[in-house]
Amino acid sequence: MNKQKISLIDLKDGQLATIVGVHGGAGVKKRLEALGVRLGKSISKMHGHFRHGPVTVKIGHTQLAIGHGMAAKIIVDLPAGRQGLNNA
């Protein structure tokens, strides 16, 4: 299956992906870990604003709002053909 690595903010609303990296310092990584944003976890983008503002995501049964800047640092794998919340 062909995969595409993109930033979390580039996901469309409702898309499901797997977290593969975080581009940030130790503080950012520690904060995201505390929120449950960990490598290998499935994440779906619920809602995000076009330019700035919080990005709402779902990881497991937890729904969170992450700031735009922090969400931009989360790198995800988007498997080809896997879109929508029904895959969660």
Protein backbone atom coordinates (compact mmCIF):
# COMPACT_ATOMS: atom_id res chain seq x y z
CA MET A 1 0.00 0.00 0.00
CA ASN A 2 1.39 3.42 -0.95
CA LYS A 3 1.77 5.86 1.97
CA GLN A 4 2.13 9.60 2.07
CA LYS A 5 3.80 11.51 4.95
CA ILE A 6 2.19 14.87 5.63
CA SER A 7 1.62 17.29 8.49
CA LEU A 8 -1.49 16.83 10.62
CA ILE A 9 -2.83 20.20 9.47
CA ASP A 10 -2.77 18.97 5.87
CA LEU A 11 -5.25 16.17 6.63
CA LYS A 12 -8.80 16.78 5.50
CA ASP A 13 -11.53 16.75 8.11
CA GLY A 14 -12.47 13.13 8.84
CA GLN A 15 -9.26 11.56 7.51
CA LEU A 16 -7.51 8.83 9.48
CA ALA A 17 -3.72 8.54 9.65
CA THR A 18 -0.91 7.10 11.77
CA ILE A 19 1.47 9.32 13.74
CA VAL A 20 5.04 8.76 12.52
CA GLY A 21 6.95 11.75 13.85
CA VAL A 22 7.05 15.05 15.69
CA HIS A 23 9.22 17.90 14.42
CA GLY A 24 9.93 19.81 17.58
CA GLY A 25 12.03 20.06 20.68
CA ALA A 26 11.82 18.02 23.85
CA GLY A 27 9.17 20.32 25.33
CA VAL A 28 6.80 19.88 22.40
CA LYS A 29 7.31 16.12 22.34
CA LYS A 30 6.74 15.85 26.10
CA ARG A 31 3.54 17.93 25.92
CA LEU A 32 2.15 15.86 23.05
CA GLU A 33 3.04 12.60 24.85
CA ALA A 34 1.09 13.85 27.88
CA LEU A 35 -1.92 14.42 25.61
CA GLY A 36 -1.68 10.87 24.21
CA VAL A 37 -0.15 11.86 20.88
CA ARG A 38 2.39 9.06 20.45
CA LEU A 39 4.22 7.44 17.56
CA GLY A 40 2.28 4.60 15.97
CA LYS A 41 -1.13 5.78 17.23
CA SER A 42 -4.03 6.26 14.83
CA ILE A 43 -5.32 9.81 14.71
CA SER A 44 -8.26 11.32 12.86
CA LYS A 45 -8.71 15.01 12.22
CA MET A 46 -12.15 16.11 13.26
CA HIS A 47 -11.97 19.80 12.39
CA GLY A 48 -9.36 22.42 11.58
CA HIS A 49 -9.42 26.00 10.43
CA PHE A 50 -8.01 26.89 7.02
CA ARG A 51 -5.28 29.24 8.23
CA HIS A 52 -4.93 29.20 12.01
CA GLY A 53 -6.77 28.20 15.14
CA PRO A 54 -7.06 24.92 16.98
CA VAL A 55 -7.19 21.55 15.26
CA THR A 56 -9.60 19.06 16.81
CA VAL A 57 -8.44 15.44 16.62
CA LYS A 58 -9.55 12.07 17.89
CA ILE A 59 -7.09 9.49 19.24
CA GLY A 60 -8.82 6.33 20.40
CA HIS A 61 -11.86 7.48 22.39
CA THR A 62 -10.29 10.83 23.29
CA GLN A 63 -11.01 14.06 21.45
CA LEU A 64 -8.50 16.93 21.82
CA ALA A 65 -7.90 20.42 20.52
CA ILE A 66 -4.28 21.12 19.56
CA GLY A 67 -2.95 24.54 18.61
CA HIS A 68 -2.26 25.11 14.93
CA GLY A 69 1.51 25.49 15.42
CA MET A 70 1.80 22.29 17.44
CA ALA A 71 -0.43 20.38 14.99
CA ALA A 72 1.86 21.47 12.15
CA LYS A 73 4.74 19.64 13.87
CA ILE A 74 2.92 16.29 13.94
CA ILE A 75 3.82 14.15 10.93
CA VAL A 76 1.44 11.39 9.88
CA ASP A 77 1.33 8.59 7.33
CA LEU A 78 -1.78 8.67 5.19
CA PRO A 79 -2.28 5.23 3.62
CA ALA A 80 -3.73 5.44 0.11
CA GLY A 81 -7.47 4.88 0.04
CA ARG A 82 -8.03 5.26 3.80
CA GLN A 83 -10.25 8.24 4.41
CA GLY A 84 -13.15 9.07 6.65
CA LEU A 85 -14.09 8.42 10.26
CA ASN A 86 -15.55 4.99 9.49
CA ASN A 87 -12.01 3.56 9.48
CA ALA A 88 -11.30 4.60 13.08
